[in-house]
Amino acid sequence: MIRFPDYFLFGTATSSHQIEGNNIFNDWWEWETKGRIKVRSGKACNHWELYKEDIELMAELGYNAYRFSIEWSRIFPRKDHIDYESLNKYKEIVNLLRKYGIEPVITLHHFTNPQWFMKIGGWTREENIKYFIKYVELIASEIKDVKIWITINEPIIYVLQGYISGEWPPGIKNLKIADQVTKNLLKAHNEAYNILHKHGIVGIAKNMIAFKPGSNRGKDINIYHKVDKAFNWGFLNGILRGELETLRGKYRVEPGNIDFIGINYYSSYIVKYTWNPFKLHIKVEPLDTGLWTTMGYCIYPRGIYEVVMKTHEKYGKEIIITENGVAVENDELRILSIIRHLQYLYKAMNEGAKVKGYFYWSFMDNFEWDKGFNQRFGLVEVDYKTFERKPRKSAYVYSQIARTKTISDEYLEKYGLKNLE
């Protein structure tokens, strides 16, 4: 049996655009309507109307925390207009979570931006940071009784997809602009931290990958280190040490602070050197563990231990696993993934890592950005025609873990690893 501490949070996570539906004022909605992706989010999971039932279901399942994002474009559909009806609904969500003993964890930026913000240059212009800060100040003053805040979700993924590969809005492919956006996001975090820190603990949700070099050759080792630094550590070094590092270069920036580091962990990738300069001499491919997800990467539970221990050794900060999950057709594989990741997380905690919680992604099936509705991450299955919610077996297994803060010998025997490397 594995026993987690009494203070440990066992929660689930979602984001506004992926579950609420009809976020008509943000840049992703505009991207969808222009046909830039094949599937439109539409009503998504219809959570904006069904949030009460969803929170009641969380309570029934015994999860004691819920990470969700506030949709900036709902609060400020226009630059100088506040939608108080939407703001009050988010207040009601927080109050309902508190009523059921569920710790609310709020993310203020989860990939989406108001359309008006992007039309004036968005994150490419430093002078636009003030609009984000105005939104942060409003939320901090209006929404009470929230102790855990996340400023920005996966800033490097946002920059990579929106400003390097161009696969997400705004569809730019320019390394120089990407670096400017990165610097502006870092500055926005620092300013938001100063506001939110008066109300609770503040972190970011940082996607981390357990990279590995493709071989012992010097070129593979060097390109691995470059990718690992830029993707996993460059942004955090910028916040905590004033040393921002990207694929393009290093920058001295004004340092800030962070109370905890949120880790979004999914998998491991092999990094190799390629002669192709158009790919920045980088070739990345998923580590093959034989346990494939429908997202095209493998389940590698040891990776959560690797990134947590590196984070602990580098910064010594408190850590929350703000996302970990799998999109799979076989729910037994989801259970296996949860058990094995938690085994390795427990190992990291026993070795000194200050981990305060684990949030499964996602509470329910949702709209997976450019991949549409086919990626089933949810503990709870969603029928997108009727919006019926149906907890999977994994929801009940995770429920037992969350309620008891233990992983039973029965679950360890059936789904766990006998020996941890």
Protein backbone atom coordinates (compact mmCIF):
# COMPACT_ATOMS: atom_id res chain seq x y z
CA MET A 1 0.00 0.00 0.00
CA ILE A 2 1.10 3.56 -0.71
CA ARG A 3 -0.09 6.32 1.62
CA PHE A 4 0.02 9.99 0.59
CA PRO A 5 0.10 12.81 3.19
CA ASP A 6 -3.15 14.20 4.58
CA TYR A 7 -2.50 17.61 2.97
CA PHE A 8 -2.15 16.12 -0.51
CA LEU A 9 -4.55 17.35 -3.19
CA PHE A 10 -6.06 14.77 -5.53
CA GLY A 11 -7.84 16.80 -8.18
CA THR A 12 -8.75 17.07 -11.82
CA ALA A 13 -8.11 19.79 -14.37
CA THR A 14 -9.86 21.43 -17.32
CA SER A 15 -9.66 24.65 -19.33
CA SER A 16 -12.43 27.05 -20.28
CA HIS A 17 -12.36 26.83 -24.07
CA GLN A 18 -12.11 23.05 -24.01
CA ILE A 19 -15.26 22.46 -21.97
CA GLU A 20 -17.45 25.57 -21.65
CA GLY A 21 -18.69 26.04 -25.19
CA ASN A 22 -19.54 29.14 -27.23
CA ASN A 23 -16.48 31.17 -26.30
CA ILE A 24 -17.26 33.40 -29.25
CA PHE A 25 -15.01 36.32 -28.27
CA ASN A 26 -11.63 34.58 -28.21
CA ASP A 27 -8.98 34.04 -30.87
CA TRP A 28 -9.52 30.27 -31.00
CA TRP A 29 -13.18 30.75 -31.94
CA GLU A 30 -12.11 33.06 -34.75
CA TRP A 31 -9.45 30.53 -35.83
CA GLU A 32 -12.12 27.83 -35.97
CA THR A 33 -14.62 29.94 -37.92
CA LYS A 34 -11.95 30.73 -40.52
CA GLY A 35 -11.53 27.00 -41.14
CA ARG A 36 -7.99 26.80 -39.81
CA ILE A 37 -8.88 23.48 -38.16
CA LYS A 38 -11.31 20.79 -39.27
CA VAL A 39 -13.52 20.68 -36.18
CA ARG A 40 -15.14 23.61 -34.37
CA SER A 41 -15.56 23.65 -30.59
CA GLY A 42 -19.19 24.80 -30.69
CA LYS A 43 -20.83 24.00 -27.35
CA ALA A 44 -17.85 21.78 -26.41
CA CYS A 45 -19.03 19.92 -23.27
CA ASN A 46 -21.67 22.56 -22.52
CA HIS A 47 -20.06 23.09 -19.12
CA TRP A 48 -21.08 26.76 -19.12
CA GLU A 49 -24.65 25.55 -18.64
CA LEU A 50 -23.95 22.29 -16.79
CA TYR A 51 -21.26 23.41 -14.33
CA LYS A 52 -23.46 22.70 -11.30
CA GLU A 53 -23.97 19.07 -12.30
CA ASP A 54 -20.27 18.71 -13.09
CA ILE A 55 -19.19 20.03 -9.69
CA GLU A 56 -21.74 17.82 -7.95
CA LEU A 57 -20.28 14.85 -9.82
CA MET A 58 -16.75 15.80 -8.69
CA ALA A 59 -18.02 15.92 -5.12
CA GLU A 60 -19.72 12.53 -5.45
CA LEU A 61 -16.46 11.07 -6.72
CA GLY A 62 -14.55 12.53 -3.79
CA TYR A 63 -11.97 14.63 -5.61
CA ASN A 64 -10.77 17.36 -3.26
CA ALA A 65 -9.44 19.93 -5.77
CA TYR A 66 -10.32 21.29 -9.19
CA ARG A 67 -8.11 23.30 -11.51
CA PHE A 68 -10.00 25.34 -14.11
CA SER A 69 -9.38 28.46 -16.15
CA ILE A 70 -11.26 31.71 -16.38
CA GLU A 71 -11.97 32.81 -19.95
CA TRP A 72 -10.44 36.27 -20.31
CA SER A 73 -12.60 37.01 -23.36
CA ARG A 74 -15.79 36.31 -21.40
CA ILE A 75 -14.79 38.86 -18.77
CA PHE A 76 -13.58 41.44 -21.30
CA PRO A 77 -15.43 40.71 -24.58
CA ARG A 78 -14.40 44.22 -25.58
CA LYS A 79 -11.38 46.19 -24.44
CA ASP A 80 -13.25 48.52 -22.10
CA HIS A 81 -16.32 46.42 -21.27
CA ILE A 82 -16.62 44.06 -18.30
CA ASP A 83 -19.23 41.31 -18.53
CA TYR A 84 -20.34 41.06 -14.91
CA GLU A 85 -22.78 38.25 -15.65
CA SER A 86 -19.87 36.00 -16.67
CA LEU A 87 -17.78 37.21 -13.74
CA ASN A 88 -20.60 36.33 -11.35
CA LYS A 89 -20.87 32.84 -12.83
CA TYR A 90 -17.19 32.21 -12.11
CA LYS A 91 -17.81 33.47 -8.57
CA GLU A 92 -20.64 30.98 -8.28
CA ILE A 93 -18.37 28.17 -9.50
CA VAL A 94 -15.85 29.00 -6.77
CA ASN A 95 -18.59 29.19 -4.12
CA LEU A 96 -20.02 25.85 -5.22
CA LEU A 97 -16.60 24.20 -5.11
CA ARG A 98 -16.10 25.54 -1.59
CA LYS A 99 -19.55 24.29 -0.58
CA TYR A 100 -18.53 20.75 -1.55
CA GLY A 101 -15.07 20.96 0.03
CA ILE A 102 -13.24 21.10 -3.29
CA GLU A 103 -10.17 23.36 -3.43
CA PRO A 104 -10.46 25.75 -6.40
CA VAL A 105 -7.27 26.32 -8.41
CA ILE A 106 -7.66 29.11 -10.95
CA THR A 107 -5.63 29.52 -14.15
CA LEU A 108 -5.85 33.00 -15.65
CA HIS A 109 -4.42 32.30 -19.11
CA HIS A 110 -4.91 28.92 -20.78
CA PHE A 111 -3.94 29.52 -24.43
CA THR A 112 -6.89 31.73 -25.43
CA ASN A 113 -6.98 35.51 -25.82
CA PRO A 114 -9.71 38.06 -26.56
CA GLN A 115 -10.01 38.80 -30.28
CA TRP A 116 -9.66 42.56 -29.66
CA PHE A 117 -6.38 41.93 -27.79
CA MET A 118 -4.91 40.01 -30.71
CA LYS A 119 -6.04 42.62 -33.22
CA ILE A 120 -3.84 45.23 -31.47
CA GLY A 121 -0.81 42.95 -31.58
CA GLY A 122 -1.49 40.67 -28.64
CA TRP A 123 1.58 39.34 -26.86
CA THR A 124 3.97 40.63 -29.53
CA ARG A 125 3.77 44.13 -28.01
CA GLU A 126 5.03 44.84 -24.49
CA GLU A 127 2.62 47.74 -24.08
CA ASN A 128 -0.30 45.27 -24.31
CA ILE A 129 0.66 43.55 -21.06
CA LYS A 130 -1.34 46.22 -19.24
CA TYR A 131 -4.59 44.76 -20.59
CA PHE A 132 -3.81 41.34 -19.13
CA ILE A 133 -2.89 42.96 -15.81
CA LYS A 134 -6.18 44.90 -15.78
CA TYR A 135 -7.98 41.56 -16.12
CA VAL A 136 -5.84 39.97 -13.38
CA GLU A 137 -6.53 42.89 -11.02
CA LEU A 138 -10.26 42.57 -11.60
CA ILE A 139 -10.31 38.82 -10.93
CA ALA A 140 -8.14 39.16 -7.82
CA SER A 141 -10.42 41.84 -6.39
CA GLU A 142 -13.71 40.17 -7.28
CA ILE A 143 -13.15 36.45 -6.76
CA LYS A 144 -12.49 35.68 -3.13
CA ASP A 145 -11.56 32.55 -1.21
CA VAL A 146 -9.09 31.22 -3.79
CA LYS A 147 -5.76 30.20 -2.29
CA ILE A 148 -3.99 28.73 -5.32
CA TRP A 149 -3.44 30.71 -8.52
CA ILE A 150 -1.78 29.89 -11.84
CA THR A 151 -0.87 32.86 -13.99
CA ILE A 152 -0.14 31.20 -17.34
CA ASN A 153 -0.57 27.66 -18.64
CA GLU A 154 2.30 26.20 -20.67
CA PRO A 155 3.87 29.42 -21.97
CA ILE A 156 6.45 27.58 -24.09
CA ILE A 157 3.79 25.38 -25.74
CA TYR A 158 1.78 28.51 -26.50
CA VAL A 159 4.82 30.17 -28.11
CA LEU A 160 5.89 27.01 -29.95
CA GLN A 161 2.47 26.34 -31.46
CA GLY A 162 1.41 29.92 -32.11
CA TYR A 163 4.64 31.66 -33.10
CA ILE A 164 7.13 28.98 -34.26
CA SER A 165 5.17 26.14 -35.91
CA GLY A 166 2.19 28.42 -36.64
CA GLU A 167 -0.29 25.59 -36.09
CA TRP A 168 -2.28 27.55 -33.50
CA PRO A 169 -3.47 31.14 -33.52
CA PRO A 170 -2.14 33.60 -34.46
CA GLY A 171 -0.37 31.30 -36.96
CA ILE A 172 3.01 33.07 -37.00
CA LYS A 173 6.30 31.34 -37.89
CA ASN A 174 9.04 33.66 -36.71
CA LEU A 175 11.68 32.92 -34.06
CA LYS A 176 12.39 36.58 -33.36
CA ILE A 177 8.72 37.32 -32.71
CA ALA A 178 8.46 34.10 -30.67
CA ASP A 179 11.21 35.31 -28.36
CA GLN A 180 9.54 38.69 -27.92
CA VAL A 181 6.29 36.95 -26.98
CA THR A 182 8.18 34.75 -24.51
CA LYS A 183 9.72 37.81 -22.84
CA ASN A 184 6.32 39.52 -22.65
CA LEU A 185 4.67 36.44 -21.12
CA LEU A 186 7.43 36.31 -18.52
CA LYS A 187 6.94 39.98 -17.68
CA ALA A 188 3.17 39.44 -17.51
CA HIS A 189 3.67 36.57 -15.06
CA ASN A 190 5.89 38.70 -12.84
CA GLU A 191 3.39 41.56 -12.73
CA ALA A 192 0.47 39.18 -12.16
CA TYR A 193 2.41 37.44 -9.37
CA ASN A 194 2.75 40.70 -7.46
CA ILE A 195 -1.03 41.15 -7.56
CA LEU A 196 -2.08 37.58 -6.81
CA HIS A 197 0.52 36.83 -4.13
CA LYS A 198 -1.50 39.00 -1.72
CA HIS A 199 -4.38 36.55 -2.10
CA GLY A 200 -2.67 33.13 -2.07
CA ILE A 201 0.17 31.10 -3.51
CA VAL A 202 1.03 31.70 -7.17
CA GLY A 203 2.67 29.53 -9.81
CA ILE A 204 2.66 28.71 -13.48
CA ALA A 205 1.71 25.44 -15.16
CA LYS A 206 4.85 24.41 -17.02
CA ASN A 207 4.76 21.58 -19.55
CA MET A 208 7.80 19.37 -19.04
CA ILE A 209 9.05 16.54 -21.19
CA ALA A 210 11.49 13.84 -20.06
CA PHE A 211 13.83 14.35 -23.02
CA LYS A 212 16.59 11.84 -23.79
CA PRO A 213 19.50 12.11 -26.25
CA GLY A 214 19.26 9.88 -29.31
CA SER A 215 22.79 8.52 -28.83
CA ASN A 216 26.09 9.16 -27.09
CA ARG A 217 27.38 11.12 -30.10
CA GLY A 218 28.44 14.67 -29.34
CA LYS A 219 25.98 16.27 -31.76
CA ASP A 220 23.03 14.38 -30.27
CA ILE A 221 24.11 15.22 -26.71
CA ASN A 222 24.55 18.91 -27.53
CA ILE A 223 21.21 19.29 -29.30
CA TYR A 224 19.49 17.39 -26.47
CA HIS A 225 20.88 19.84 -23.91
CA LYS A 226 19.80 22.79 -26.05
CA VAL A 227 16.23 21.49 -26.39
CA ASP A 228 15.97 20.46 -22.72
CA LYS A 229 17.15 23.88 -21.51
CA ALA A 230 14.97 25.89 -23.86
CA PHE A 231 11.80 23.82 -23.40
CA ASN A 232 11.93 22.74 -19.75
CA TRP A 233 14.04 25.26 -17.87
CA GLY A 234 14.55 28.46 -19.86
CA PHE A 235 11.32 30.17 -18.78
CA LEU A 236 11.70 29.18 -15.13
CA ASN A 237 15.31 30.39 -15.13
CA GLY A 238 14.00 33.68 -16.51
CA ILE A 239 11.54 34.08 -13.65
CA LEU A 240 13.79 32.94 -10.83
CA ARG A 241 17.25 33.94 -12.04
CA GLY A 242 16.70 36.59 -14.71
CA GLU A 243 18.28 34.28 -17.31
CA LEU A 244 15.75 33.49 -20.03
CA GLU A 245 16.91 30.92 -22.55
CA THR A 246 15.14 30.06 -25.82
CA LEU A 247 16.08 28.08 -28.91
CA ARG A 248 17.27 31.31 -30.45
CA GLY A 249 19.39 32.68 -27.62
CA LYS A 250 19.84 33.85 -24.04
CA TYR A 251 18.43 37.06 -22.57
CA ARG A 252 18.89 38.97 -19.36
CA VAL A 253 15.43 39.80 -18.04
CA GLU A 254 13.98 41.28 -14.88
CA PRO A 255 13.56 38.34 -12.49
CA GLY A 256 10.34 37.75 -10.58
CA ASN A 257 9.11 35.08 -8.22
CA ILE A 258 7.00 32.00 -7.98
CA ASP A 259 5.58 30.16 -4.95
CA PHE A 260 5.21 26.77 -6.57
CA ILE A 261 6.02 25.16 -9.89
CA GLY A 262 3.12 23.48 -11.64
CA ILE A 263 4.29 20.57 -13.78
CA ASN A 264 2.22 19.32 -16.70
CA TYR A 265 3.78 15.97 -17.56
CA TYR A 266 2.70 13.59 -20.32
CA SER A 267 5.60 11.74 -21.92
CA SER A 268 9.22 11.43 -23.08
CA TYR A 269 10.84 12.24 -26.42
CA ILE A 270 14.14 11.30 -28.06
CA VAL A 271 16.19 14.24 -29.33
CA LYS A 272 18.61 13.80 -32.25
CA TYR A 273 20.74 16.11 -34.35
CA THR A 274 19.70 16.59 -37.97
CA TRP A 275 21.55 18.45 -40.70
CA ASN A 276 18.32 20.20 -41.71
CA PRO A 277 18.67 23.90 -40.78
CA PHE A 278 14.96 24.51 -41.43
CA LYS A 279 14.25 22.30 -38.41
CA LEU A 280 16.92 24.12 -36.35
CA HIS A 281 18.98 20.90 -36.56
CA ILE A 282 16.50 19.26 -34.20
CA LYS A 283 14.80 15.91 -34.73
CA VAL A 284 12.37 14.84 -32.01
CA GLU A 285 10.48 11.56 -31.85
CA PRO A 286 8.45 9.89 -29.09
CA LEU A 287 10.10 7.37 -26.80
CA ASP A 288 8.60 3.97 -27.62
CA THR A 289 7.54 2.19 -24.44
CA GLY A 290 4.95 0.06 -26.24
CA LEU A 291 2.11 1.81 -24.37
CA TRP A 292 0.84 4.18 -27.05
CA THR A 293 -1.82 6.83 -26.57
CA THR A 294 -4.12 8.07 -29.33
CA MET A 295 -2.20 11.38 -29.22
CA GLY A 296 0.80 9.64 -30.80
CA TYR A 297 3.12 9.43 -27.82
CA CYS A 298 3.76 6.74 -25.23
CA ILE A 299 3.06 6.36 -21.55
CA TYR A 300 6.35 6.70 -19.67
CA PRO A 301 5.61 6.90 -15.93
CA ARG A 302 9.26 7.15 -14.86
CA GLY A 303 9.42 10.49 -16.65
CA ILE A 304 7.30 12.16 -13.96
CA TYR A 305 9.93 11.16 -11.41
CA GLU A 306 12.71 12.46 -13.67
CA VAL A 307 11.21 15.92 -14.24
CA VAL A 308 10.04 16.32 -10.63
CA MET A 309 13.48 15.46 -9.23
CA LYS A 310 15.24 17.79 -11.68
CA THR A 311 12.82 20.59 -10.79
CA HIS A 312 13.38 19.97 -7.09
CA GLU A 313 17.17 19.91 -7.46
CA LYS A 314 17.25 23.07 -9.58
CA TYR A 315 14.85 25.28 -7.64
CA GLY A 316 13.83 23.67 -4.33
CA LYS A 317 10.30 25.04 -4.73
CA GLU A 318 7.02 23.36 -3.88
CA ILE A 319 5.62 21.38 -6.81
CA ILE A 320 2.08 20.57 -7.91
CA ILE A 321 1.41 18.16 -10.77
CA THR A 322 -1.07 20.43 -12.51
CA GLU A 323 -1.69 18.00 -15.39
CA ASN A 324 -1.04 14.34 -16.07
CA GLY A 325 -3.25 12.09 -18.11
CA VAL A 326 -3.71 9.94 -21.20
CA ALA A 327 -6.00 9.85 -24.21
CA VAL A 328 -6.73 6.15 -24.73
CA GLU A 329 -9.55 3.96 -25.98
CA ASN A 330 -8.91 1.30 -23.32
CA ASP A 331 -9.81 2.65 -19.88
CA GLU A 332 -7.73 -0.06 -18.19
CA LEU A 333 -4.69 1.64 -19.72
CA ARG A 334 -5.81 4.92 -18.13
CA ILE A 335 -5.97 3.25 -14.72
CA LEU A 336 -2.54 1.70 -15.26
CA SER A 337 -1.15 5.11 -16.19
CA ILE A 338 -2.57 6.82 -13.08
CA ILE A 339 -1.29 4.13 -10.71
CA ARG A 340 2.20 4.00 -12.20
CA HIS A 341 2.64 7.77 -12.39
CA LEU A 342 1.56 8.05 -8.76
CA GLN A 343 4.02 5.31 -7.80
CA TYR A 344 6.87 7.32 -9.30
CA LEU A 345 5.55 10.56 -7.82
CA TYR A 346 5.57 8.95 -4.38
CA LYS A 347 9.16 7.84 -4.98
CA ALA A 348 10.14 11.45 -5.76
CA MET A 349 8.41 12.65 -2.59
CA ASN A 350 10.28 10.07 -0.52
CA GLU A 351 13.52 11.40 -2.01
CA GLY A 352 12.79 14.95 -0.89
CA ALA A 353 10.66 16.56 -3.61
CA LYS A 354 8.04 18.85 -2.04
CA VAL A 355 4.99 17.75 -4.05
CA LYS A 356 1.66 19.08 -2.77
CA GLY A 357 -0.85 17.66 -5.21
CA TYR A 358 -1.73 15.75 -8.38
CA PHE A 359 -4.34 16.84 -10.93
CA TYR A 360 -5.51 14.33 -13.52
CA TRP A 361 -6.12 15.74 -17.02
CA SER A 362 -8.94 15.74 -17.60
CA PHE A 363 -12.03 15.53 -15.43
CA MET A 364 -14.04 14.81 -18.57
CA ASP A 365 -13.54 14.33 -22.28
CA ASN A 366 -13.13 17.67 -24.01
CA PHE A 367 -12.22 19.65 -27.11
CA GLU A 368 -8.54 18.94 -27.71
CA TRP A 369 -7.61 22.10 -29.66
CA ASP A 370 -6.52 21.34 -33.23
CA LYS A 371 -7.32 17.64 -32.74
CA GLY A 372 -11.03 18.10 -32.06
CA PHE A 373 -13.14 15.71 -30.00
CA ASN A 374 -11.56 12.34 -30.75
CA GLN A 375 -8.93 12.43 -27.99
CA ARG A 376 -10.60 10.95 -24.94
CA PHE A 377 -8.66 12.11 -21.86
CA GLY A 378 -11.59 12.11 -19.46
CA LEU A 379 -12.22 10.17 -16.29
CA VAL A 380 -15.79 10.99 -17.24
CA GLU A 381 -17.04 10.11 -20.71
CA VAL A 382 -19.01 12.80 -22.55
CA ASP A 383 -21.66 12.12 -25.18
CA TYR A 384 -21.26 15.20 -27.38
CA LYS A 385 -24.76 14.81 -28.85
CA THR A 386 -26.67 14.70 -25.56
CA PHE A 387 -23.96 16.05 -23.19
CA GLU A 388 -24.59 13.09 -20.91
CA ARG A 389 -21.75 12.47 -18.43
CA LYS A 390 -20.79 8.89 -17.64
CA PRO A 391 -17.95 8.16 -15.19
CA ARG A 392 -15.57 5.53 -16.45
CA LYS A 393 -14.11 2.80 -14.23
CA SER A 394 -10.98 4.97 -13.94
CA ALA A 395 -13.10 7.72 -12.33
CA TYR A 396 -14.04 5.36 -9.52
CA VAL A 397 -10.52 3.99 -9.10
CA TYR A 398 -9.18 7.54 -8.83
CA SER A 399 -12.08 8.30 -6.49
CA GLN A 400 -10.95 5.61 -4.06
CA ILE A 401 -7.37 6.93 -4.19
CA ALA A 402 -8.55 10.51 -3.63
CA ARG A 403 -10.87 9.64 -0.73
CA THR A 404 -8.38 7.45 1.14
CA LYS A 405 -5.14 9.11 -0.05
CA THR A 406 -3.86 5.59 -0.56
CA ILE A 407 -3.20 3.21 -3.42
CA SER A 408 -4.32 -0.21 -2.23
CA ASP A 409 -2.27 -3.38 -2.57
CA GLU A 410 -5.01 -4.66 -4.87
CA TYR A 411 -4.50 -1.79 -7.34
CA LEU A 412 -0.73 -2.00 -7.07
CA GLU A 413 -0.81 -5.71 -7.76
CA LYS A 414 -3.10 -5.39 -10.78
CA TYR A 415 -1.86 -2.15 -12.38
CA GLY A 416 1.38 -1.12 -10.70
CA LEU A 417 5.04 -1.72 -11.36
CA LYS A 418 6.71 -4.33 -9.18
CA ASN A 419 10.05 -2.55 -9.19
CA LEU A 420 10.72 1.13 -9.82
CA GLU A 421 13.96 1.88 -11.66
